[in-house]
């Protein structure tokens, strides 16, 4: 004789549903319950980013085979550079990331290199600062497809220069699977992009000298 009641049937169905849900979740699959109480929909698990935390707040993330770098690179803008900017001279900066493998018998082997180019300028008519970012050096042909942002304050523009967020630096499969390596970050003013008369005066002068560099060891198998 069957003594099942509507309430007990609902409890049994709920228990079966929860057991099925646990099995799916443990298998790495997300469960989407159908809003009409029918058969649940199953969705593939989302790919998760692997994050390697280094010193000085440097983050290396691997996501779907791509490597992304995030970091804060603080520095002070020399007063001579600020004066030139306020007079309408555009100043160019270069950021570079390298992964190197040390070799005792020769110079370090370069495993990966990524470079960003910046152009900072002051627009006197609007009293705004304009920062362009690109993957190629800026030249006389114009800014091309470079990304540009405007800022009211110089401090905000400088903060954008110093704050690197999810910069794609290369593919993981282009690197060896394991072994020690060095991560090197560099940021500098590109004096070669200054107007010729200013180049002559800027080269060798300490008040135009801006070079930030840091190097950190890591193990490639951690990526």
N, C-alpha and C. Protein backbone atom coordinates (compact mmCIF):
# COMPACT_ATOMS: atom_id res chain seq x y z
N UNK A 1 0.85 -1.19 0.00
CA UNK A 1 0.00 0.00 0.00
C UNK A 1 0.88 1.24 0.00
N UNK A 2 0.52 2.25 -0.82
CA UNK A 2 1.33 3.46 -0.92
C UNK A 2 0.75 4.52 -0.02
N UNK A 3 1.53 4.94 1.01
CA UNK A 3 1.07 5.95 1.96
C UNK A 3 1.64 7.32 1.63
N UNK A 4 2.14 7.51 0.41
CA UNK A 4 2.73 8.80 0.04
C UNK A 4 1.67 9.87 0.00
N UNK A 5 2.05 11.02 0.50
CA UNK A 5 1.17 12.19 0.48
C UNK A 5 1.77 13.22 -0.46
N UNK A 6 0.98 14.21 -0.92
CA UNK A 6 1.55 15.27 -1.77
C UNK A 6 2.74 15.95 -1.13
N UNK A 7 2.69 16.12 0.19
CA UNK A 7 3.80 16.79 0.88
C UNK A 7 5.06 15.94 0.83
N UNK A 8 4.90 14.60 1.09
CA UNK A 8 6.08 13.74 1.08
C UNK A 8 6.66 13.61 -0.31
N UNK A 9 5.79 13.61 -1.35
CA UNK A 9 6.29 13.56 -2.72
C UNK A 9 7.11 14.79 -3.05
N UNK A 10 6.64 15.95 -2.60
CA UNK A 10 7.39 17.19 -2.84
C UNK A 10 8.74 17.15 -2.15
N UNK A 11 8.78 16.62 -0.93
CA UNK A 11 10.05 16.52 -0.20
C UNK A 11 11.01 15.58 -0.91
N UNK A 12 10.47 14.45 -1.43
CA UNK A 12 11.30 13.49 -2.14
C UNK A 12 11.87 14.10 -3.41
N UNK A 13 11.00 14.81 -4.16
CA UNK A 13 11.47 15.45 -5.38
C UNK A 13 12.52 16.52 -5.07
N UNK A 14 12.31 17.24 -3.97
CA UNK A 14 13.28 18.27 -3.59
C UNK A 14 14.62 17.64 -3.23
N UNK A 15 14.60 16.52 -2.52
CA UNK A 15 15.84 15.84 -2.13
C UNK A 15 16.58 15.34 -3.36
N UNK A 16 15.81 14.77 -4.33
CA UNK A 16 16.45 14.31 -5.56
C UNK A 16 17.06 15.47 -6.33
N UNK A 17 16.33 16.59 -6.36
CA UNK A 17 16.83 17.78 -7.07
C UNK A 17 18.13 18.28 -6.45
N UNK A 18 18.17 18.34 -5.11
CA UNK A 18 19.37 18.81 -4.43
C UNK A 18 20.55 17.86 -4.65
N UNK A 19 20.27 16.54 -4.65
CA UNK A 19 21.35 15.57 -4.88
C UNK A 19 21.91 15.72 -6.28
N UNK A 20 20.99 15.90 -7.27
CA UNK A 20 21.46 16.09 -8.65
C UNK A 20 22.26 17.37 -8.77
N UNK A 21 21.82 18.41 -8.10
CA UNK A 21 22.51 19.71 -8.16
C UNK A 21 23.91 19.59 -7.59
N UNK A 22 24.06 18.86 -6.46
CA UNK A 22 25.38 18.69 -5.85
C UNK A 22 26.31 17.92 -6.77
N UNK A 23 25.78 16.87 -7.43
CA UNK A 23 26.62 16.09 -8.34
C UNK A 23 27.13 16.93 -9.50
N UNK A 24 26.26 17.78 -10.03
CA UNK A 24 26.65 18.62 -11.15
C UNK A 24 27.68 19.67 -10.74
N UNK A 25 27.48 20.26 -9.58
CA UNK A 25 28.42 21.28 -9.11
C UNK A 25 29.78 20.68 -8.81
N UNK A 26 29.79 19.48 -8.20
CA UNK A 26 31.05 18.82 -7.91
C UNK A 26 31.78 18.44 -9.19
N UNK A 27 31.04 18.23 -10.25
CA UNK A 27 31.66 17.90 -11.52
C UNK A 27 32.12 19.11 -12.29
N UNK A 28 32.02 20.31 -11.70
CA UNK A 28 32.50 21.52 -12.36
C UNK A 28 31.51 22.11 -13.33
N UNK A 29 30.21 21.76 -13.19
CA UNK A 29 29.20 22.26 -14.11
C UNK A 29 28.18 23.06 -13.33
N UNK A 30 27.83 24.22 -13.79
CA UNK A 30 26.84 25.06 -13.13
C UNK A 30 25.45 24.61 -13.50
N UNK A 31 24.50 24.69 -12.57
CA UNK A 31 23.13 24.28 -12.79
C UNK A 31 22.24 25.50 -12.82
N UNK A 32 21.41 25.60 -13.84
CA UNK A 32 20.45 26.68 -13.95
C UNK A 32 19.07 26.08 -13.84
N UNK A 33 18.35 26.40 -12.77
CA UNK A 33 17.01 25.86 -12.58
C UNK A 33 16.04 26.52 -13.53
N UNK A 34 15.19 25.71 -14.19
CA UNK A 34 14.20 26.26 -15.10
C UNK A 34 13.16 27.02 -14.30
N UNK A 35 12.81 28.24 -14.68
CA UNK A 35 11.89 29.04 -13.90
C UNK A 35 10.49 28.47 -13.84
N UNK A 36 10.15 27.58 -14.80
CA UNK A 36 8.81 27.00 -14.79
C UNK A 36 8.76 25.66 -14.08
N UNK A 37 9.82 25.27 -13.41
CA UNK A 37 9.83 24.04 -12.63
C UNK A 37 10.07 22.81 -13.46
N UNK A 38 10.52 22.96 -14.72
CA UNK A 38 10.76 21.82 -15.58
C UNK A 38 12.16 21.28 -15.41
N UNK A 39 12.70 20.72 -16.51
CA UNK A 39 14.02 20.11 -16.46
C UNK A 39 15.08 21.19 -16.33
N UNK A 40 16.00 21.10 -15.36
CA UNK A 40 17.03 22.12 -15.20
C UNK A 40 17.92 22.20 -16.44
N UNK A 41 18.42 23.42 -16.69
CA UNK A 41 19.35 23.65 -17.78
C UNK A 41 20.77 23.58 -17.24
N UNK A 42 21.66 22.96 -17.98
CA UNK A 42 23.04 22.80 -17.55
C UNK A 42 23.92 23.68 -18.42
N UNK A 43 24.80 24.50 -17.77
CA UNK A 43 25.70 25.38 -18.50
C UNK A 43 27.14 25.00 -18.20
N UNK A 44 28.06 25.11 -19.16
CA UNK A 44 29.47 24.80 -18.90
C UNK A 44 30.04 25.73 -17.84
N UNK A 45 31.01 25.24 -17.09
CA UNK A 45 31.66 26.06 -16.06
C UNK A 45 32.45 27.18 -16.72
N UNK A 46 32.43 28.34 -16.09
CA UNK A 46 33.15 29.49 -16.61
C UNK A 46 34.65 29.33 -16.37
N UNK A 47 35.43 29.73 -17.34
CA UNK A 47 36.89 29.66 -17.18
C UNK A 47 37.34 30.66 -16.13
N UNK A 48 38.22 30.21 -15.24
CA UNK A 48 38.69 31.06 -14.16
C UNK A 48 40.11 31.54 -14.45
N UNK A 49 40.38 32.78 -14.05
CA UNK A 49 41.71 33.36 -14.25
C UNK A 49 42.63 32.89 -13.13
N UNK A 50 43.85 32.53 -13.50
CA UNK A 50 44.87 32.17 -12.51
C UNK A 50 45.73 33.39 -12.25
N UNK A 51 45.86 33.78 -10.98
CA UNK A 51 46.55 35.02 -10.61
C UNK A 51 47.80 34.71 -9.81
N UNK A 52 48.91 35.32 -10.23
CA UNK A 52 50.18 35.23 -9.51
C UNK A 52 50.48 36.61 -8.93
N UNK A 53 50.59 36.68 -7.61
CA UNK A 53 50.84 37.95 -6.92
C UNK A 53 52.33 38.06 -6.59
N UNK A 54 52.93 39.14 -7.07
CA UNK A 54 54.34 39.39 -6.82
C UNK A 54 54.50 40.59 -5.90
N UNK A 55 55.74 40.96 -5.61
CA UNK A 55 56.00 42.10 -4.73
C UNK A 55 55.57 43.41 -5.40
N UNK A 56 55.42 44.44 -4.57
CA UNK A 56 55.06 45.79 -5.03
C UNK A 56 53.72 45.84 -5.75
N UNK A 57 52.83 44.92 -5.40
CA UNK A 57 51.48 44.95 -5.96
C UNK A 57 51.37 44.53 -7.41
N UNK A 58 52.39 43.84 -7.94
CA UNK A 58 52.36 43.38 -9.33
C UNK A 58 51.53 42.10 -9.41
N UNK A 59 50.57 42.08 -10.34
CA UNK A 59 49.73 40.91 -10.56
C UNK A 59 49.93 40.40 -11.98
N UNK A 60 50.12 39.09 -12.10
CA UNK A 60 50.15 38.43 -13.41
C UNK A 60 48.98 37.46 -13.45
N UNK A 61 48.14 37.60 -14.46
CA UNK A 61 46.97 36.74 -14.60
C UNK A 61 47.05 35.98 -15.91
N UNK A 62 46.69 34.69 -15.84
CA UNK A 62 46.54 33.89 -17.05
C UNK A 62 45.06 33.59 -17.22
N UNK A 63 44.53 33.97 -18.35
CA UNK A 63 43.11 33.76 -18.62
C UNK A 63 42.96 33.33 -20.08
N UNK A 64 42.45 32.10 -20.25
CA UNK A 64 42.23 31.54 -21.58
C UNK A 64 43.51 31.59 -22.43
N UNK A 65 44.63 31.30 -21.78
CA UNK A 65 45.90 31.23 -22.49
C UNK A 65 46.61 32.55 -22.69
N UNK A 66 46.00 33.66 -22.26
CA UNK A 66 46.61 34.98 -22.41
C UNK A 66 47.13 35.47 -21.06
N UNK A 67 48.23 36.23 -21.09
CA UNK A 67 48.82 36.77 -19.87
C UNK A 67 48.50 38.26 -19.77
N UNK A 68 48.04 38.68 -18.59
CA UNK A 68 47.70 40.07 -18.33
C UNK A 68 48.48 40.55 -17.11
N UNK A 69 48.97 41.78 -17.18
CA UNK A 69 49.73 42.37 -16.07
C UNK A 69 49.00 43.59 -15.53
N UNK A 70 48.95 43.68 -14.21
CA UNK A 70 48.41 44.87 -13.53
C UNK A 70 49.42 45.32 -12.49
N UNK A 71 49.63 46.63 -12.40
CA UNK A 71 50.62 47.14 -11.45
C UNK A 71 50.48 48.64 -11.31
N UNK A 72 50.92 49.16 -10.18
CA UNK A 72 51.09 50.59 -9.98
C UNK A 72 52.58 50.89 -10.04
N UNK A 73 52.95 51.85 -10.89
CA UNK A 73 54.36 52.22 -11.06
C UNK A 73 54.50 53.70 -10.70
N UNK A 74 54.72 54.02 -9.42
CA UNK A 74 54.76 55.43 -9.00
C UNK A 74 56.05 56.12 -9.40
N UNK A 75 55.94 57.40 -9.74
CA UNK A 75 57.10 58.24 -10.05
C UNK A 75 56.67 59.70 -9.95
N UNK A 76 57.65 60.58 -9.88
CA UNK A 76 57.40 62.02 -9.80
C UNK A 76 57.75 62.66 -11.14
N UNK A 77 56.85 63.51 -11.63
CA UNK A 77 57.11 64.22 -12.88
C UNK A 77 58.10 65.34 -12.63
N UNK A 78 59.25 65.35 -13.31
CA UNK A 78 60.22 66.44 -13.12
C UNK A 78 59.60 67.79 -13.46
N UNK A 79 60.00 68.81 -12.71
CA UNK A 79 59.42 70.15 -12.90
C UNK A 79 59.68 70.68 -14.31
N UNK A 80 60.85 70.39 -14.88
CA UNK A 80 61.15 70.86 -16.23
C UNK A 80 60.20 70.25 -17.25
N UNK A 81 59.81 69.00 -17.03
CA UNK A 81 58.88 68.33 -17.94
C UNK A 81 57.49 68.95 -17.82
N UNK A 82 57.06 69.24 -16.59
CA UNK A 82 55.76 69.87 -16.41
C UNK A 82 55.72 71.25 -17.06
N UNK A 83 56.78 72.02 -16.92
CA UNK A 83 56.82 73.34 -17.55
C UNK A 83 56.71 73.24 -19.06
N UNK A 84 57.40 72.27 -19.65
CA UNK A 84 57.31 72.08 -21.10
C UNK A 84 55.90 71.69 -21.52
N UNK A 85 55.27 70.84 -20.73
CA UNK A 85 53.89 70.43 -21.04
C UNK A 85 52.95 71.64 -21.03
N UNK A 86 53.08 72.48 -20.01
CA UNK A 86 52.18 73.63 -19.89
C UNK A 86 52.43 74.66 -21.00
N UNK A 87 53.58 74.60 -21.63
CA UNK A 87 53.87 75.50 -22.75
C UNK A 87 53.42 74.91 -24.09
N UNK A 88 52.78 73.73 -24.03
CA UNK A 88 52.25 73.14 -25.25
C UNK A 88 53.08 72.06 -25.89
N UNK A 89 54.15 71.64 -25.22
CA UNK A 89 55.00 70.58 -25.77
C UNK A 89 54.43 69.22 -25.36
N UNK A 90 54.15 68.36 -26.33
CA UNK A 90 53.69 67.00 -26.04
C UNK A 90 54.88 66.16 -25.59
N UNK A 91 54.68 65.40 -24.52
CA UNK A 91 55.74 64.55 -23.98
C UNK A 91 55.34 63.08 -24.16
N UNK A 92 56.28 62.29 -24.63
CA UNK A 92 56.03 60.88 -24.92
C UNK A 92 56.70 60.00 -23.86
N UNK A 93 56.00 58.94 -23.49
CA UNK A 93 56.50 57.99 -22.50
C UNK A 93 56.43 56.59 -23.10
N UNK A 94 57.30 55.71 -22.58
CA UNK A 94 57.33 54.31 -23.03
C UNK A 94 57.30 53.41 -21.80
N UNK A 95 56.37 52.44 -21.80
CA UNK A 95 56.31 51.42 -20.77
C UNK A 95 56.66 50.08 -21.41
N UNK A 96 57.49 49.30 -20.71
CA UNK A 96 57.95 48.03 -21.28
C UNK A 96 57.94 46.95 -20.21
N UNK A 97 57.46 45.78 -20.60
CA UNK A 97 57.47 44.60 -19.75
C UNK A 97 58.26 43.51 -20.46
N UNK A 98 59.17 42.88 -19.73
CA UNK A 98 59.94 41.77 -20.29
C UNK A 98 59.97 40.61 -19.32
N UNK A 99 59.90 39.40 -19.87
CA UNK A 99 60.19 38.19 -19.12
C UNK A 99 61.52 37.66 -19.64
N UNK A 100 62.47 37.49 -18.72
CA UNK A 100 63.83 37.10 -19.08
C UNK A 100 64.21 35.80 -18.39
N UNK A 101 65.07 35.05 -19.03
CA UNK A 101 65.66 33.87 -18.40
C UNK A 101 67.16 34.12 -18.25
N UNK A 102 67.63 34.00 -17.01
CA UNK A 102 69.04 34.26 -16.74
C UNK A 102 69.94 33.16 -17.31
N UNK A 103 71.06 33.60 -17.88
CA UNK A 103 72.06 32.66 -18.41
C UNK A 103 73.44 33.11 -17.92
N UNK A 104 74.13 32.23 -17.21
CA UNK A 104 75.42 32.60 -16.64
C UNK A 104 76.50 32.74 -17.71
N UNK A 105 76.30 32.06 -18.86
CA UNK A 105 77.33 32.05 -19.90
C UNK A 105 77.10 33.11 -20.96
N UNK A 106 75.99 33.84 -20.90
CA UNK A 106 75.67 34.82 -21.93
C UNK A 106 74.69 35.82 -21.34
N UNK A 107 74.27 36.78 -22.15
CA UNK A 107 73.27 37.73 -21.67
C UNK A 107 71.93 37.03 -21.48
N UNK A 108 71.05 37.65 -20.70
CA UNK A 108 69.76 37.04 -20.40
C UNK A 108 68.96 36.78 -21.68
N UNK A 109 68.27 35.65 -21.70
CA UNK A 109 67.42 35.30 -22.84
C UNK A 109 66.08 36.01 -22.71
N UNK A 110 65.67 36.70 -23.74
CA UNK A 110 64.40 37.41 -23.73
C UNK A 110 63.29 36.45 -24.14
N UNK A 111 62.36 36.18 -23.21
CA UNK A 111 61.27 35.26 -23.48
C UNK A 111 60.03 35.97 -24.00
N UNK A 112 59.80 37.18 -23.53
CA UNK A 112 58.58 37.91 -23.88
C UNK A 112 58.83 39.40 -23.71
N UNK A 113 58.29 40.20 -24.62
CA UNK A 113 58.39 41.65 -24.53
C UNK A 113 57.07 42.28 -24.94
N UNK A 114 56.60 43.22 -24.15
CA UNK A 114 55.40 43.99 -24.49
C UNK A 114 55.70 45.47 -24.24
N UNK A 115 55.26 46.32 -25.15
CA UNK A 115 55.57 47.75 -25.07
C UNK A 115 54.31 48.58 -25.28
N UNK A 116 54.19 49.62 -24.48
CA UNK A 116 53.11 50.60 -24.64
C UNK A 116 53.71 51.98 -24.83
N UNK A 117 53.03 52.78 -25.63
CA UNK A 117 53.49 54.15 -25.90
C UNK A 117 52.40 55.13 -25.46
N UNK A 118 52.85 56.22 -24.82
CA UNK A 118 51.92 57.24 -24.32
C UNK A 118 52.33 58.61 -24.86
N UNK A 119 51.33 59.43 -25.09
CA UNK A 119 51.56 60.82 -25.49
C UNK A 119 50.69 61.71 -24.61
N UNK A 120 51.32 62.56 -23.81
CA UNK A 120 50.61 63.46 -22.91
C UNK A 120 50.77 64.89 -23.40
N UNK A 121 49.65 65.60 -23.49
CA UNK A 121 49.69 66.98 -23.98
C UNK A 121 48.68 67.82 -23.21
N UNK A 122 48.91 69.13 -23.23
CA UNK A 122 48.02 70.09 -22.55
C UNK A 122 47.35 70.96 -23.61
N UNK A 123 46.02 71.05 -23.54
CA UNK A 123 45.24 71.85 -24.48
C UNK A 123 44.88 73.16 -23.80
N UNK A 124 45.60 74.21 -24.17
CA UNK A 124 45.46 75.50 -23.48
C UNK A 124 44.07 76.10 -23.64
N UNK A 125 43.44 75.91 -24.79
CA UNK A 125 42.12 76.51 -25.02
C UNK A 125 41.05 75.92 -24.12
N UNK A 126 41.13 74.63 -23.87
CA UNK A 126 40.12 73.96 -23.04
C UNK A 126 40.61 73.70 -21.62
N UNK A 127 41.88 74.00 -21.36
CA UNK A 127 42.49 73.75 -20.04
C UNK A 127 42.33 72.29 -19.62
N UNK A 128 42.52 71.39 -20.58
CA UNK A 128 42.41 69.96 -20.30
C UNK A 128 43.68 69.25 -20.76
N UNK A 129 43.90 68.11 -20.10
CA UNK A 129 45.05 67.27 -20.42
C UNK A 129 44.58 66.09 -21.26
N UNK A 130 45.35 65.78 -22.29
CA UNK A 130 44.98 64.71 -23.22
C UNK A 130 46.06 63.63 -23.20
N UNK A 131 45.62 62.39 -22.94
CA UNK A 131 46.54 61.26 -22.87
C UNK A 131 46.14 60.23 -23.91
N UNK A 132 47.05 59.93 -24.83
CA UNK A 132 46.83 58.91 -25.84
C UNK A 132 47.71 57.70 -25.54
N UNK A 133 47.16 56.52 -25.79
CA UNK A 133 47.85 55.26 -25.54
C UNK A 133 47.81 54.42 -26.81
N UNK A 134 48.95 53.83 -27.17
CA UNK A 134 49.01 53.00 -28.37
C UNK A 134 50.05 51.91 -28.26
N UNK A 135 49.97 50.96 -29.18
CA UNK A 135 50.93 49.86 -29.21
C UNK A 135 52.09 50.14 -30.16
N UNK A 136 52.05 51.29 -30.85
CA UNK A 136 53.11 51.70 -31.76
C UNK A 136 53.57 53.11 -31.40
N UNK A 137 54.82 53.46 -31.70
CA UNK A 137 55.27 54.84 -31.43
C UNK A 137 54.46 55.85 -32.22
N UNK A 138 54.20 56.99 -31.62
CA UNK A 138 53.50 58.07 -32.30
C UNK A 138 54.50 58.79 -33.22
N UNK A 139 54.03 59.13 -34.40
CA UNK A 139 54.92 59.79 -35.35
C UNK A 139 54.20 60.95 -36.02
N UNK A 140 54.81 61.53 -37.03
CA UNK A 140 54.25 62.69 -37.68
C UNK A 140 53.00 62.44 -38.48
N UNK A 141 52.61 61.16 -38.64
CA UNK A 141 51.41 60.84 -39.40
C UNK A 141 50.14 61.03 -38.59
N UNK A 142 50.27 61.35 -37.33
CA UNK A 142 49.09 61.56 -36.50
C UNK A 142 48.95 60.48 -35.45
N UNK A 143 47.83 60.52 -34.72
CA UNK A 143 47.61 59.61 -33.61
C UNK A 143 46.97 58.30 -34.04
N UNK A 144 46.47 58.25 -35.28
CA UNK A 144 45.94 57.00 -35.81
C UNK A 144 44.81 56.44 -34.97
N UNK A 145 44.93 55.17 -34.61
CA UNK A 145 43.89 54.48 -33.84
C UNK A 145 44.19 54.47 -32.35
N UNK A 146 45.08 55.33 -31.89
CA UNK A 146 45.44 55.36 -30.47
C UNK A 146 44.23 55.76 -29.63
N UNK A 147 44.14 55.15 -28.45
CA UNK A 147 43.07 55.49 -27.52
C UNK A 147 43.40 56.79 -26.81
N UNK A 148 42.41 57.67 -26.66
CA UNK A 148 42.64 58.96 -26.01
C UNK A 148 41.65 59.24 -24.92
N UNK A 149 42.12 59.84 -23.84
CA UNK A 149 41.27 60.26 -22.72
C UNK A 149 41.65 61.68 -22.31
N UNK A 150 40.64 62.43 -21.86
CA UNK A 150 40.86 63.80 -21.40
C UNK A 150 40.71 63.88 -19.89
N UNK A 151 41.50 64.76 -19.26
CA UNK A 151 41.48 64.94 -17.82
C UNK A 151 41.50 66.42 -17.49
N UNK A 152 40.78 66.78 -16.44
CA UNK A 152 40.76 68.17 -15.99
C UNK A 152 42.05 68.52 -15.27
N UNK A 153 42.55 67.60 -14.47
CA UNK A 153 43.75 67.85 -13.65
C UNK A 153 44.93 67.02 -14.16
N UNK A 154 46.11 67.60 -14.05
CA UNK A 154 47.33 66.88 -14.42
C UNK A 154 47.51 65.65 -13.54
N UNK A 155 47.15 65.76 -12.26
CA UNK A 155 47.32 64.63 -11.34
C UNK A 155 46.55 63.41 -11.81
N UNK A 156 45.35 63.61 -12.36
CA UNK A 156 44.55 62.48 -12.85
C UNK A 156 45.20 61.84 -14.07
N UNK A 157 45.75 62.65 -14.95
CA UNK A 157 46.44 62.11 -16.13
C UNK A 157 47.67 61.31 -15.72
N UNK A 158 48.41 61.82 -14.73
CA UNK A 158 49.61 61.11 -14.27
C UNK A 158 49.23 59.80 -13.58
N UNK A 159 48.12 59.80 -12.86
CA UNK A 159 47.67 58.57 -12.21
C UNK A 159 47.35 57.50 -13.26
N UNK A 160 46.73 57.92 -14.37
CA UNK A 160 46.44 56.97 -15.44
C UNK A 160 47.73 56.40 -16.04
N UNK A 161 48.76 57.22 -16.12
CA UNK A 161 50.06 56.76 -16.62
C UNK A 161 50.71 55.74 -15.68
N UNK A 162 50.46 55.90 -14.40
CA UNK A 162 51.13 55.07 -13.39
C UNK A 162 50.35 53.81 -13.04
N UNK A 163 49.09 53.74 -13.44
CA UNK A 163 48.22 52.63 -13.04
C UNK A 163 47.97 51.75 -14.26
N UNK A 164 48.59 50.58 -14.30
CA UNK A 164 48.45 49.65 -15.42
C UNK A 164 47.44 48.58 -15.03
N UNK A 165 46.38 48.43 -15.81
CA UNK A 165 45.30 47.51 -15.50
C UNK A 165 45.12 46.51 -16.64
N UNK A 166 45.28 45.24 -16.33
CA UNK A 166 45.03 44.14 -17.29
C UNK A 166 45.65 44.43 -18.65
N UNK A 167 46.93 44.70 -18.62
CA UNK A 167 47.68 44.91 -19.85
C UNK A 167 48.03 43.53 -20.42
N UNK A 168 47.52 43.25 -21.62
CA UNK A 168 47.84 41.98 -22.26
C UNK A 168 49.29 42.01 -22.75
N UNK A 169 50.10 41.11 -22.21
CA UNK A 169 51.53 41.14 -22.53
C UNK A 169 51.97 39.98 -23.41
N UNK A 170 51.10 39.00 -23.64
CA UNK A 170 51.49 37.89 -24.50
C UNK A 170 50.70 36.63 -24.22
N UNK A 171 51.06 35.57 -24.92
CA UNK A 171 50.40 34.27 -24.77
C UNK A 171 51.24 33.35 -23.90
N UNK A 172 50.56 32.58 -23.06
CA UNK A 172 51.27 31.67 -22.16
C UNK A 172 52.04 30.60 -22.93
N UNK A 173 51.49 30.11 -24.03
CA UNK A 173 52.16 29.03 -24.74
C UNK A 173 53.41 29.48 -25.50
N UNK A 174 53.69 30.79 -25.49
CA UNK A 174 54.94 31.27 -26.10
C UNK A 174 56.11 31.16 -25.13
N UNK A 175 55.84 30.78 -23.88
CA UNK A 175 56.87 30.68 -22.85
C UNK A 175 57.18 29.22 -22.54
N UNK A 176 58.37 28.93 -22.00
CA UNK A 176 58.65 27.58 -21.51
C UNK A 176 57.66 27.18 -20.42
N UNK A 177 57.47 25.89 -20.26
CA UNK A 177 56.49 25.41 -19.28
C UNK A 177 56.93 25.69 -17.85
N UNK A 178 58.23 25.65 -17.57
CA UNK A 178 58.68 25.82 -16.20
C UNK A 178 60.08 26.43 -16.19
N UNK A 179 60.58 26.61 -14.96
CA UNK A 179 61.91 27.17 -14.80
C UNK A 179 61.87 28.59 -14.25
N UNK A 180 63.01 29.08 -13.75
CA UNK A 180 63.07 30.43 -13.19
C UNK A 180 63.09 31.48 -14.30
N UNK A 181 62.57 32.66 -13.97
CA UNK A 181 62.56 33.78 -14.91
C UNK A 181 62.57 35.08 -14.12
N UNK A 182 62.83 36.17 -14.83
CA UNK A 182 62.81 37.50 -14.24
C UNK A 182 61.75 38.34 -14.95
N UNK A 183 60.91 39.00 -14.17
CA UNK A 183 59.93 39.94 -14.71
C UNK A 183 60.49 41.34 -14.53
N UNK A 184 60.66 42.05 -15.63
CA UNK A 184 61.24 43.39 -15.60
C UNK A 184 60.23 44.41 -16.12
N UNK A 185 59.99 45.45 -15.31
CA UNK A 185 59.11 46.56 -15.70
C UNK A 185 59.96 47.81 -15.85
N UNK A 186 59.73 48.56 -16.95
CA UNK A 186 60.47 49.80 -17.18
C UNK A 186 59.50 50.87 -17.67
N UNK A 187 59.75 52.10 -17.21
CA UNK A 187 58.96 53.25 -17.66
C UNK A 187 59.91 54.44 -17.80
N UNK A 188 59.81 55.14 -18.94
CA UNK A 188 60.76 56.23 -19.19
C UNK A 188 60.13 57.27 -20.11
N UNK A 189 60.75 58.45 -20.14
CA UNK A 189 60.41 59.47 -21.12
C UNK A 189 61.15 59.16 -22.41
N UNK A 190 60.46 59.29 -23.53
CA UNK A 190 61.09 59.10 -24.83
C UNK A 190 61.58 60.46 -25.34
N UNK A 191 62.83 60.77 -25.04
CA UNK A 191 63.38 62.08 -25.41
C UNK A 191 63.50 62.24 -26.93
N UNK A 192 63.56 61.14 -27.65
CA UNK A 192 63.71 61.23 -29.10
C UNK A 192 62.47 61.80 -29.79
N UNK A 193 61.35 61.85 -29.07
CA UNK A 193 60.11 62.38 -29.64
C UNK A 193 59.94 63.87 -29.38
N UNK A 194 60.83 64.47 -28.62
CA UNK A 194 60.74 65.91 -28.36
C UNK A 194 61.14 66.70 -29.60
N UNK A 195 60.68 67.95 -29.71
CA UNK A 195 61.16 68.81 -30.80
C UNK A 195 62.69 68.91 -30.75
N UNK A 196 63.31 69.00 -31.92
CA UNK A 196 64.77 68.95 -32.02
C UNK A 196 65.49 69.95 -31.09
N UNK A 197 65.06 71.22 -31.05
CA UNK A 197 65.77 72.16 -30.15
C UNK A 197 65.70 71.73 -28.69
N UNK A 198 64.55 71.15 -28.30
CA UNK A 198 64.40 70.73 -26.91
C UNK A 198 65.19 69.45 -26.64
N UNK A 199 65.32 68.60 -27.65
CA UNK A 199 66.12 67.39 -27.48
C UNK A 199 67.55 67.72 -27.10
N UNK A 200 68.10 68.70 -27.77
CA UNK A 200 69.50 69.08 -27.52
C UNK A 200 69.70 69.50 -26.08
N UNK A 201 68.74 70.25 -25.55
CA UNK A 201 68.87 70.71 -24.18
C UNK A 201 68.50 69.67 -23.15
N UNK A 202 67.64 68.70 -23.53
CA UNK A 202 67.15 67.72 -22.56
C UNK A 202 68.11 66.56 -22.34
N UNK A 203 68.79 66.12 -23.39
CA UNK A 203 69.70 64.98 -23.25
C UNK A 203 70.81 65.29 -22.26
N UNK A 204 70.95 64.41 -21.28
CA UNK A 204 72.00 64.56 -20.29
C UNK A 204 71.63 65.43 -19.10
N UNK A 205 70.45 66.05 -19.14
CA UNK A 205 70.04 66.90 -18.02
C UNK A 205 69.25 66.08 -17.01
N UNK A 206 69.59 66.23 -15.75
CA UNK A 206 68.94 65.44 -14.70
C UNK A 206 67.48 65.81 -14.53
N UNK A 207 67.10 67.08 -14.84
CA UNK A 207 65.71 67.47 -14.66
C UNK A 207 64.80 66.93 -15.76
N UNK A 208 65.37 66.24 -16.75
CA UNK A 208 64.57 65.54 -17.74
C UNK A 208 64.75 64.03 -17.62
N UNK A 209 65.44 63.61 -16.60
CA UNK A 209 65.73 62.19 -16.43
C UNK A 209 64.60 61.50 -15.67
N UNK A 210 63.87 60.65 -16.35
CA UNK A 210 62.82 59.86 -15.71
C UNK A 210 62.94 58.43 -16.21
N UNK A 211 63.39 57.55 -15.33
CA UNK A 211 63.51 56.13 -15.64
C UNK A 211 63.17 55.34 -14.39
N UNK A 212 62.10 54.56 -14.47
CA UNK A 212 61.67 53.70 -13.37
C UNK A 212 61.86 52.25 -13.82
N UNK A 213 62.49 51.46 -12.99
CA UNK A 213 62.74 50.07 -13.37
C UNK A 213 62.67 49.18 -12.13
N UNK A 214 62.02 48.05 -12.26
CA UNK A 214 62.01 47.05 -11.19
C UNK A 214 62.05 45.67 -11.80
N UNK A 215 62.73 44.76 -11.09
CA UNK A 215 62.90 43.38 -11.56
C UNK A 215 62.53 42.43 -10.43
N UNK A 216 61.74 41.40 -10.77
CA UNK A 216 61.31 40.44 -9.77
C UNK A 216 61.48 39.02 -10.31
N UNK A 217 61.92 38.09 -9.45
CA UNK A 217 62.03 36.69 -9.87
C UNK A 217 60.68 35.99 -9.78
N UNK A 218 60.50 34.99 -10.60
CA UNK A 218 59.30 34.15 -10.53
C UNK A 218 59.62 32.80 -11.15
N UNK A 219 58.72 31.85 -10.95
CA UNK A 219 58.83 30.53 -11.55
C UNK A 219 57.75 30.41 -12.63
N UNK A 220 58.15 30.01 -13.82
CA UNK A 220 57.21 29.97 -14.94
C UNK A 220 56.07 28.99 -14.71
N UNK A 221 56.31 27.93 -13.94
CA UNK A 221 55.24 26.97 -13.69
C UNK A 221 54.12 27.56 -12.83
N UNK A 222 54.37 28.73 -12.22
CA UNK A 222 53.33 29.39 -11.44
C UNK A 222 52.32 30.13 -12.31
N UNK A 223 52.65 30.33 -13.57
CA UNK A 223 51.76 31.07 -14.47
C UNK A 223 50.67 30.16 -15.02
